[in-house]
Amino acid sequence: MSKFTPKSTFMMFGVAAAMVASAPVVAQAIAYVDRTIAIVNTAAFKSGWQQINQIYGQNIQSMAQKEQEIATLVAPLDTNKDGDFSDQELAAAPKPTVDRINVLNGEMQQLQAPIIIARIYVLEQINTQYDLAQAAVVKAKKVNIILRREALVYGAESADLTQSIVAEIDAKLPQAAIAAPEGWQPQRRSLQLYQEVEEILQVDAMLRQQQAQQGGAATAAPAQQPAADQGR
């Protein structure tokens, strides 16, 4: 049997140390983020949405009135009162009723068009800052891997970069412009982002309505600080 001498022991220790030093470096920091919720929580988004609702307040009020009129017109068409309209129910709708609903829908689209354009323009400005903000946070926190929130099975709150990115965007873009320049065309990503934001705000409004009806404790909303009334 071989005997370990002090010299051979030292040599083995040196080999082991070299093996450790040559091992691949494993990522030390894994974080996650929700891009859409980060954007919804920026100061530029909140102030921008509020300004748009104020500027187009008359449009929003008119749309609400037209929605109510449409609801009144379609209520009698739901003959079985199931909250849905079958092909038979729609086919039986009087032509004057259908024509009036089509007119109201057209008017609502015209009223809503400038609101949507202004909102998408605000979102595009914020989204332009997002990647720069994320890069700054990643560098500051020495993050090696970022996952999307929906890809997580579990994530500690300390690994959530959302609020850090919000703070970075707020520092660079505290307020967004409302009026799009002449000839401006939104990017495809901005259109998709607008749909995602609308879904978040609709869910938040539904949760708030349920909370008000139940009179219970505060319900966690998708956005940490929901924006002001979106005004459809």
C-alpha atoms as a PDB file:
ATOM      1  CA  MET A   1       0.000   0.000   0.000  1.00  0.00           C
ATOM      2  CA  SER A   2       1.351   3.454  -0.924  1.00  0.00           C
ATOM      3  CA  LYS A   3       2.256   5.797   1.872  1.00  0.00           C
ATOM      4  CA  PHE A   4       1.245   9.472   1.757  1.00  0.00           C
ATOM      5  CA  THR A   5       4.250  11.664   2.418  1.00  0.00           C
ATOM      6  CA  PRO A   6       3.939  15.394   3.158  1.00  0.00           C
ATOM      7  CA  LYS A   7       5.206  16.056  -0.347  1.00  0.00           C
ATOM      8  CA  SER A   8       2.644  13.797  -2.071  1.00  0.00           C
ATOM      9  CA  THR A   9      -0.176  15.250   0.037  1.00  0.00           C
ATOM     10  CA  PHE A  10       0.810  18.763  -1.020  1.00  0.00           C
ATOM     11  CA  MET A  11       0.867  17.713  -4.680  1.00  0.00           C
ATOM     12  CA  MET A  12      -2.648  16.196  -4.439  1.00  0.00           C
ATOM     13  CA  PHE A  13      -3.948  19.359  -2.829  1.00  0.00           C
ATOM     14  CA  GLY A  14      -2.479  21.394  -5.675  1.00  0.00           C
ATOM     15  CA  VAL A  15      -4.150  19.189  -8.285  1.00  0.00           C
ATOM     16  CA  ALA A  16      -7.528  19.501  -6.531  1.00  0.00           C
ATOM     17  CA  ALA A  17      -7.199  23.268  -6.362  1.00  0.00           C
ATOM     18  CA  ALA A  18      -6.408  23.429 -10.061  1.00  0.00           C
ATOM     19  CA  MET A  19      -9.485  21.340 -10.875  1.00  0.00           C
ATOM     20  CA  VAL A  20     -11.716  23.695  -8.888  1.00  0.00           C
ATOM     21  CA  ALA A  21     -10.181  26.721 -10.562  1.00  0.00           C
ATOM     22  CA  SER A  22     -10.739  25.275 -14.021  1.00  0.00           C
ATOM     23  CA  ALA A  23     -14.411  24.315 -13.383  1.00  0.00           C
ATOM     24  CA  PRO A  24     -16.990  26.317 -15.365  1.00  0.00           C
ATOM     25  CA  VAL A  25     -18.427  29.322 -13.571  1.00  0.00           C
ATOM     26  CA  VAL A  26     -22.092  28.798 -12.685  1.00  0.00           C
ATOM     27  CA  ALA A  27     -24.499  31.745 -12.856  1.00  0.00           C
ATOM     28  CA  GLN A  28     -24.795  33.302  -9.442  1.00  0.00           C
ATOM     29  CA  ALA A  29     -27.878  35.485  -9.933  1.00  0.00           C
ATOM     30  CA  ILE A  30     -31.170  34.522 -11.567  1.00  0.00           C
ATOM     31  CA  ALA A  31     -33.952  37.108 -11.650  1.00  0.00           C
ATOM     32  CA  TYR A  32     -37.347  37.550 -13.248  1.00  0.00           C
ATOM     33  CA  VAL A  33     -39.443  40.427 -14.535  1.00  0.00           C
ATOM     34  CA  ASP A  34     -42.842  41.230 -16.027  1.00  0.00           C
ATOM     35  CA  ARG A  35     -42.276  43.744 -18.794  1.00  0.00           C
ATOM     36  CA  THR A  36     -45.902  44.815 -19.240  1.00  0.00           C
ATOM     37  CA  ILE A  37     -46.552  45.298 -15.531  1.00  0.00           C
ATOM     38  CA  ALA A  38     -43.321  47.276 -15.238  1.00  0.00           C
ATOM     39  CA  ILE A  39     -44.501  49.623 -17.992  1.00  0.00           C
ATOM     40  CA  VAL A  40     -47.959  50.005 -16.410  1.00  0.00           C
ATOM     41  CA  ASN A  41     -46.334  51.053 -13.135  1.00  0.00           C
ATOM     42  CA  THR A  42     -44.121  53.793 -14.559  1.00  0.00           C
ATOM     43  CA  ALA A  43     -44.816  57.434 -13.799  1.00  0.00           C
ATOM     44  CA  ALA A  44     -44.940  58.193 -17.524  1.00  0.00           C
ATOM     45  CA  PHE A  45     -47.700  55.639 -18.052  1.00  0.00           C
ATOM     46  CA  LYS A  46     -49.832  56.829 -15.141  1.00  0.00           C
ATOM     47  CA  SER A  47     -49.540  60.521 -15.961  1.00  0.00           C
ATOM     48  CA  GLY A  48     -49.949  59.846 -19.672  1.00  0.00           C
ATOM     49  CA  TRP A  49     -53.124  57.789 -19.240  1.00  0.00           C
ATOM     50  CA  GLN A  50     -54.555  60.403 -16.871  1.00  0.00           C
ATOM     51  CA  GLN A  51     -53.854  63.269 -19.270  1.00  0.00           C
ATOM     52  CA  ILE A  52     -55.384  61.383 -22.176  1.00  0.00           C
ATOM     53  CA  ASN A  53     -58.523  60.652 -20.157  1.00  0.00           C
ATOM     54  CA  GLN A  54     -58.783  64.355 -19.304  1.00  0.00           C
ATOM     55  CA  ILE A  55     -58.145  65.586 -22.846  1.00  0.00           C
ATOM     56  CA  TYR A  56     -60.639  63.155 -24.346  1.00  0.00           C
ATOM     57  CA  GLY A  57     -63.053  63.169 -21.446  1.00  0.00           C
ATOM     58  CA  GLN A  58     -65.963  64.158 -23.688  1.00  0.00           C
ATOM     59  CA  ASN A  59     -65.192  61.296 -26.053  1.00  0.00           C
ATOM     60  CA  ILE A  60     -65.122  58.842 -23.162  1.00  0.00           C
ATOM     61  CA  GLN A  61     -68.415  60.144 -21.809  1.00  0.00           C
ATOM     62  CA  SER A  62     -70.053  59.925 -25.241  1.00  0.00           C
ATOM     63  CA  MET A  63     -68.796  56.356 -25.694  1.00  0.00           C
ATOM     64  CA  ALA A  64     -70.245  55.365 -22.330  1.00  0.00           C
ATOM     65  CA  GLN A  65     -73.626  56.765 -23.365  1.00  0.00           C
ATOM     66  CA  LYS A  66     -73.530  54.906 -26.674  1.00  0.00           C
ATOM     67  CA  GLU A  67     -72.532  51.682 -24.915  1.00  0.00           C
ATOM     68  CA  GLN A  68     -75.533  52.061 -22.655  1.00  0.00           C
ATOM     69  CA  GLU A  69     -77.804  52.611 -25.631  1.00  0.00           C
ATOM     70  CA  ILE A  70     -76.419  49.501 -27.329  1.00  0.00           C
ATOM     71  CA  ALA A  71     -76.981  47.485 -24.142  1.00  0.00           C
ATOM     72  CA  THR A  72     -80.590  48.670 -24.064  1.00  0.00           C
ATOM     73  CA  LEU A  73     -81.079  47.735 -27.711  1.00  0.00           C
ATOM     74  CA  VAL A  74     -79.599  44.238 -27.457  1.00  0.00           C
ATOM     75  CA  ALA A  75     -81.227  43.258 -24.139  1.00  0.00           C
ATOM     76  CA  PRO A  76     -84.565  42.223 -25.735  1.00  0.00           C
ATOM     77  CA  LEU A  77     -82.698  40.099 -28.295  1.00  0.00           C
ATOM     78  CA  ASP A  78     -81.520  37.716 -25.572  1.00  0.00           C
ATOM     79  CA  THR A  79     -84.851  35.894 -25.429  1.00  0.00           C
ATOM     80  CA  ASN A  80     -83.665  33.030 -23.213  1.00  0.00           C
ATOM     81  CA  LYS A  81     -81.801  35.437 -20.871  1.00  0.00           C
ATOM     82  CA  ASP A  82     -78.592  33.408 -20.862  1.00  0.00           C
ATOM     83  CA  GLY A  83     -76.369  36.436 -21.416  1.00  0.00           C
ATOM     84  CA  ASP A  84     -75.400  35.264 -24.894  1.00  0.00           C
ATOM     85  CA  PHE A  85     -76.843  35.587 -28.378  1.00  0.00           C
ATOM     86  CA  SER A  86     -77.481  32.538 -30.521  1.00  0.00           C
ATOM     87  CA  ASP A  87     -77.618  32.641 -34.314  1.00  0.00           C
ATOM     88  CA  GLN A  88     -81.386  32.324 -34.100  1.00  0.00           C
ATOM     89  CA  GLU A  89     -81.683  35.272 -31.733  1.00  0.00           C
ATOM     90  CA  LEU A  90     -79.474  37.437 -33.926  1.00  0.00           C
ATOM     91  CA  ALA A  91     -81.378  36.436 -37.066  1.00  0.00           C
ATOM     92  CA  ALA A  92     -84.629  37.467 -35.400  1.00  0.00           C
ATOM     93  CA  ALA A  93     -83.345  40.935 -34.510  1.00  0.00           C
ATOM     94  CA  PRO A  94     -85.378  43.729 -36.165  1.00  0.00           C
ATOM     95  CA  LYS A  95     -83.480  45.454 -38.970  1.00  0.00           C
ATOM     96  CA  PRO A  96     -83.899  48.971 -37.470  1.00  0.00           C
ATOM     97  CA  THR A  97     -82.304  47.692 -34.267  1.00  0.00           C
ATOM     98  CA  VAL A  98     -79.368  46.147 -36.120  1.00  0.00           C
ATOM     99  CA  ASP A  99     -78.881  49.300 -38.202  1.00  0.00           C
ATOM    100  CA  ARG A 100     -78.887  51.495 -35.110  1.00  0.00           C
ATOM    101  CA  ILE A 101     -76.355  49.265 -33.349  1.00  0.00           C
ATOM    102  CA  ASN A 102     -74.068  49.415 -36.393  1.00  0.00           C
ATOM    103  CA  VAL A 103     -74.315  53.219 -36.446  1.00  0.00           C
ATOM    104  CA  LEU A 104     -73.495  53.445 -32.749  1.00  0.00           C
ATOM    105  CA  ASN A 105     -70.522  51.109 -33.116  1.00  0.00           C
ATOM    106  CA  GLY A 106     -69.170  53.212 -35.976  1.00  0.00           C
ATOM    107  CA  GLU A 107     -69.525  56.397 -33.943  1.00  0.00           C
ATOM    108  CA  MET A 108     -67.761  54.772 -31.002  1.00  0.00           C
ATOM    109  CA  GLN A 109     -64.835  53.753 -33.185  1.00  0.00           C
ATOM    110  CA  GLN A 110     -64.432  57.330 -34.391  1.00  0.00           C
ATOM    111  CA  LEU A 111     -64.510  58.639 -30.815  1.00  0.00           C
ATOM    112  CA  GLN A 112     -62.038  56.025 -29.638  1.00  0.00           C
ATOM    113  CA  ALA A 113     -59.492  56.367 -32.470  1.00  0.00           C
ATOM    114  CA  PRO A 114     -57.600  59.447 -31.152  1.00  0.00           C
ATOM    115  CA  ILE A 115     -57.558  57.965 -27.651  1.00  0.00           C
ATOM    116  CA  ILE A 116     -55.980  54.742 -28.861  1.00  0.00           C
ATOM    117  CA  ILE A 117     -53.388  56.593 -30.937  1.00  0.00           C
ATOM    118  CA  ALA A 118     -52.359  58.750 -27.971  1.00  0.00           C
ATOM    119  CA  ARG A 119     -52.137  55.751 -25.659  1.00  0.00           C
ATOM    120  CA  ILE A 120     -50.033  53.696 -28.064  1.00  0.00           C
ATOM    121  CA  TYR A 121     -47.712  56.680 -28.552  1.00  0.00           C
ATOM    122  CA  VAL A 122     -47.205  56.935 -24.787  1.00  0.00           C
ATOM    123  CA  LEU A 123     -46.526  53.199 -24.548  1.00  0.00           C
ATOM    124  CA  GLU A 124     -44.021  53.295 -27.389  1.00  0.00           C
ATOM    125  CA  GLN A 125     -41.985  56.005 -25.667  1.00  0.00           C
ATOM    126  CA  ILE A 126     -41.874  53.996 -22.446  1.00  0.00           C
ATOM    127  CA  ASN A 127     -41.087  50.760 -24.251  1.00  0.00           C
ATOM    128  CA  THR A 128     -38.153  52.451 -25.989  1.00  0.00           C
ATOM    129  CA  GLN A 129     -36.626  53.104 -22.568  1.00  0.00           C
ATOM    130  CA  TYR A 130     -37.298  49.616 -21.237  1.00  0.00           C
ATOM    131  CA  ASP A 131     -34.330  47.709 -22.671  1.00  0.00           C
ATOM    132  CA  LEU A 132     -31.908  50.428 -21.577  1.00  0.00           C
ATOM    133  CA  ALA A 133     -33.400  50.386 -18.082  1.00  0.00           C
ATOM    134  CA  GLN A 134     -33.225  46.606 -17.896  1.00  0.00           C
ATOM    135  CA  ALA A 135     -29.577  46.615 -18.990  1.00  0.00           C
ATOM    136  CA  ALA A 136     -28.724  49.163 -16.286  1.00  0.00           C
ATOM    137  CA  VAL A 137     -30.469  47.108 -13.577  1.00  0.00           C
ATOM    138  CA  VAL A 138     -28.824  43.884 -14.744  1.00  0.00           C
ATOM    139  CA  LYS A 139     -25.394  45.507 -14.563  1.00  0.00           C
ATOM    140  CA  ALA A 140     -26.033  47.063 -11.162  1.00  0.00           C
ATOM    141  CA  LYS A 141     -27.375  43.853  -9.622  1.00  0.00           C
ATOM    142  CA  LYS A 142     -24.919  41.567 -11.467  1.00  0.00           C
ATOM    143  CA  VAL A 143     -27.717  39.425 -12.846  1.00  0.00           C
ATOM    144  CA  ASN A 144     -26.727  36.603 -15.193  1.00  0.00           C
ATOM    145  CA  ILE A 145     -30.118  35.213 -16.190  1.00  0.00           C
ATOM    146  CA  ILE A 146     -33.564  36.855 -16.478  1.00  0.00           C
ATOM    147  CA  LEU A 147     -36.735  34.815 -16.761  1.00  0.00           C
ATOM    148  CA  ARG A 148     -40.231  35.920 -17.603  1.00  0.00           C
ATOM    149  CA  ARG A 149     -42.547  35.885 -14.617  1.00  0.00           C
ATOM    150  CA  GLU A 150     -44.958  33.465 -16.302  1.00  0.00           C
ATOM    151  CA  ALA A 151     -42.126  30.952 -16.768  1.00  0.00           C
ATOM    152  CA  LEU A 152     -41.549  30.639 -13.022  1.00  0.00           C
ATOM    153  CA  VAL A 153     -42.707  27.861 -10.757  1.00  0.00           C
ATOM    154  CA  TYR A 154     -41.397  29.801  -7.765  1.00  0.00           C
ATOM    155  CA  GLY A 155     -39.552  33.084  -7.432  1.00  0.00           C
ATOM    156  CA  ALA A 156     -38.484  34.948  -4.327  1.00  0.00           C
ATOM    157  CA  GLU A 157     -39.573  38.565  -4.132  1.00  0.00           C
ATOM    158  CA  SER A 158     -35.931  39.628  -3.944  1.00  0.00           C
ATOM    159  CA  ALA A 159     -35.391  38.186  -7.436  1.00  0.00           C
ATOM    160  CA  ASP A 160     -38.110  40.356  -8.987  1.00  0.00           C
ATOM    161  CA  LEU A 161     -36.546  43.153 -11.063  1.00  0.00           C
ATOM    162  CA  THR A 162     -39.853  44.799 -12.004  1.00  0.00           C
ATOM    163  CA  GLN A 163     -39.772  47.694  -9.538  1.00  0.00           C
ATOM    164  CA  SER A 164     -36.056  48.312 -10.091  1.00  0.00           C
ATOM    165  CA  ILE A 165     -36.693  48.680 -13.814  1.00  0.00           C
ATOM    166  CA  VAL A 166     -39.674  50.950 -13.097  1.00  0.00           C
ATOM    167  CA  ALA A 167     -37.430  53.220 -11.023  1.00  0.00           C
ATOM    168  CA  GLU A 168     -34.819  53.307 -13.799  1.00  0.00           C
ATOM    169  CA  ILE A 169     -37.421  54.249 -16.433  1.00  0.00           C
ATOM    170  CA  ASP A 170     -38.899  56.909 -14.142  1.00  0.00           C
ATOM    171  CA  ALA A 171     -35.472  58.507 -13.824  1.00  0.00           C
ATOM    172  CA  LYS A 172     -35.010  58.649 -17.600  1.00  0.00           C
ATOM    173  CA  LEU A 173     -38.611  59.358 -18.687  1.00  0.00           C
ATOM    174  CA  PRO A 174     -40.669  60.903 -15.882  1.00  0.00           C
ATOM    175  CA  GLN A 175     -43.335  62.018 -18.353  1.00  0.00           C
ATOM    176  CA  ALA A 176     -44.248  61.003 -21.898  1.00  0.00           C
ATOM    177  CA  ALA A 177     -45.561  63.211 -24.691  1.00  0.00           C
ATOM    178  CA  ILE A 178     -49.241  62.755 -25.546  1.00  0.00           C
ATOM    179  CA  ALA A 179     -49.536  64.120 -29.082  1.00  0.00           C
ATOM    180  CA  ALA A 180     -47.943  61.901 -31.718  1.00  0.00           C
ATOM    181  CA  PRO A 181     -46.052  63.765 -34.443  1.00  0.00           C
ATOM    182  CA  GLU A 182     -47.645  64.054 -37.855  1.00  0.00           C
ATOM    183  CA  GLY A 183     -47.195  60.924 -39.917  1.00  0.00           C
ATOM    184  CA  TRP A 184     -46.239  58.796 -36.929  1.00  0.00           C
ATOM    185  CA  GLN A 185     -46.940  55.081 -37.308  1.00  0.00           C
ATOM    186  CA  PRO A 186     -46.800  52.741 -34.305  1.00  0.00           C
ATOM    187  CA  GLN A 187     -44.415  49.814 -34.259  1.00  0.00           C
ATOM    188  CA  ARG A 188     -45.905  46.320 -34.314  1.00  0.00           C
ATOM    189  CA  ARG A 189     -44.546  45.664 -30.832  1.00  0.00           C
ATOM    190  CA  SER A 190     -46.346  48.794 -29.585  1.00  0.00           C
ATOM    191  CA  LEU A 191     -49.668  47.515 -30.901  1.00  0.00           C
ATOM    192  CA  GLN A 192     -49.141  44.189 -29.144  1.00  0.00           C
ATOM    193  CA  LEU A 193     -48.132  45.979 -25.948  1.00  0.00           C
ATOM    194  CA  TYR A 194     -51.304  48.065 -26.075  1.00  0.00           C
ATOM    195  CA  GLN A 195     -53.407  44.895 -26.174  1.00  0.00           C
ATOM    196  CA  GLU A 196     -51.495  43.445 -23.220  1.00  0.00           C
ATOM    197  CA  VAL A 197     -51.978  46.637 -21.210  1.00  0.00           C
ATOM    198  CA  GLU A 198     -55.703  46.733 -21.985  1.00  0.00           C
ATOM    199  CA  GLU A 199     -56.043  43.162 -20.731  1.00  0.00           C
ATOM    200  CA  ILE A 200     -54.246  44.020 -17.497  1.00  0.00           C
ATOM    201  CA  LEU A 201     -56.427  47.081 -16.903  1.00  0.00           C
ATOM    202  CA  GLN A 202     -59.614  45.147 -17.646  1.00  0.00           C
ATOM    203  CA  VAL A 203     -58.678  42.421 -15.176  1.00  0.00           C
ATOM    204  CA  ASP A 204     -57.778  45.043 -12.598  1.00  0.00           C
ATOM    205  CA  ALA A 205     -61.122  46.819 -13.093  1.00  0.00           C
ATOM    206  CA  MET A 206     -62.958  43.507 -12.724  1.00  0.00           C
ATOM    207  CA  LEU A 207     -61.114  42.698  -9.496  1.00  0.00           C
ATOM    208  CA  ARG A 208     -61.844  46.141  -8.105  1.00  0.00           C
ATOM    209  CA  GLN A 209     -65.517  45.760  -8.960  1.00  0.00           C
ATOM    210  CA  GLN A 210     -65.646  42.382  -7.235  1.00  0.00           C
ATOM    211  CA  GLN A 211     -63.874  43.849  -4.228  1.00  0.00           C
ATOM    212  CA  ALA A 212     -66.375  46.694  -4.035  1.00  0.00           C
ATOM    213  CA  GLN A 213     -69.304  44.275  -4.266  1.00  0.00           C
ATOM    214  CA  GLN A 214     -67.908  41.927  -1.664  1.00  0.00           C
ATOM    215  CA  GLY A 215     -66.670  44.687   0.607  1.00  0.00           C
ATOM    216  CA  GLY A 216     -63.808  42.417   1.585  1.00  0.00           C
ATOM    217  CA  ALA A 217     -60.101  42.817   1.947  1.00  0.00           C
ATOM    218  CA  ALA A 218     -58.034  44.271  -0.853  1.00  0.00           C
ATOM    219  CA  THR A 219     -57.538  41.873  -3.741  1.00  0.00           C
ATOM    220  CA  ALA A 220     -54.124  41.584  -5.318  1.00  0.00           C
ATOM    221  CA  ALA A 221     -54.219  43.157  -8.771  1.00  0.00           C
ATOM    222  CA  PRO A 222     -52.006  42.265 -11.744  1.00  0.00           C
ATOM    223  CA  ALA A 223     -50.457  45.721 -11.674  1.00  0.00           C
ATOM    224  CA  GLN A 224     -48.951  46.808  -8.387  1.00  0.00           C
ATOM    225  CA  GLN A 225     -50.289  50.332  -8.819  1.00  0.00           C
ATOM    226  CA  PRO A 226     -53.097  50.286 -11.390  1.00  0.00           C
ATOM    227  CA  ALA A 227     -53.474  53.301 -13.615  1.00  0.00           C
ATOM    228  CA  ALA A 228     -56.354  55.719 -13.478  1.00  0.00           C
ATOM    229  CA  ASP A 229     -59.655  54.930 -15.167  1.00  0.00           C
ATOM    230  CA  GLN A 230     -58.792  53.654 -18.610  1.00  0.00           C
ATOM    231  CA  GLY A 231     -61.999  54.950 -20.158  1.00  0.00           C
ATOM    232  CA  ARG A 232     -62.332  52.293 -22.847  1.00  0.00           C
END
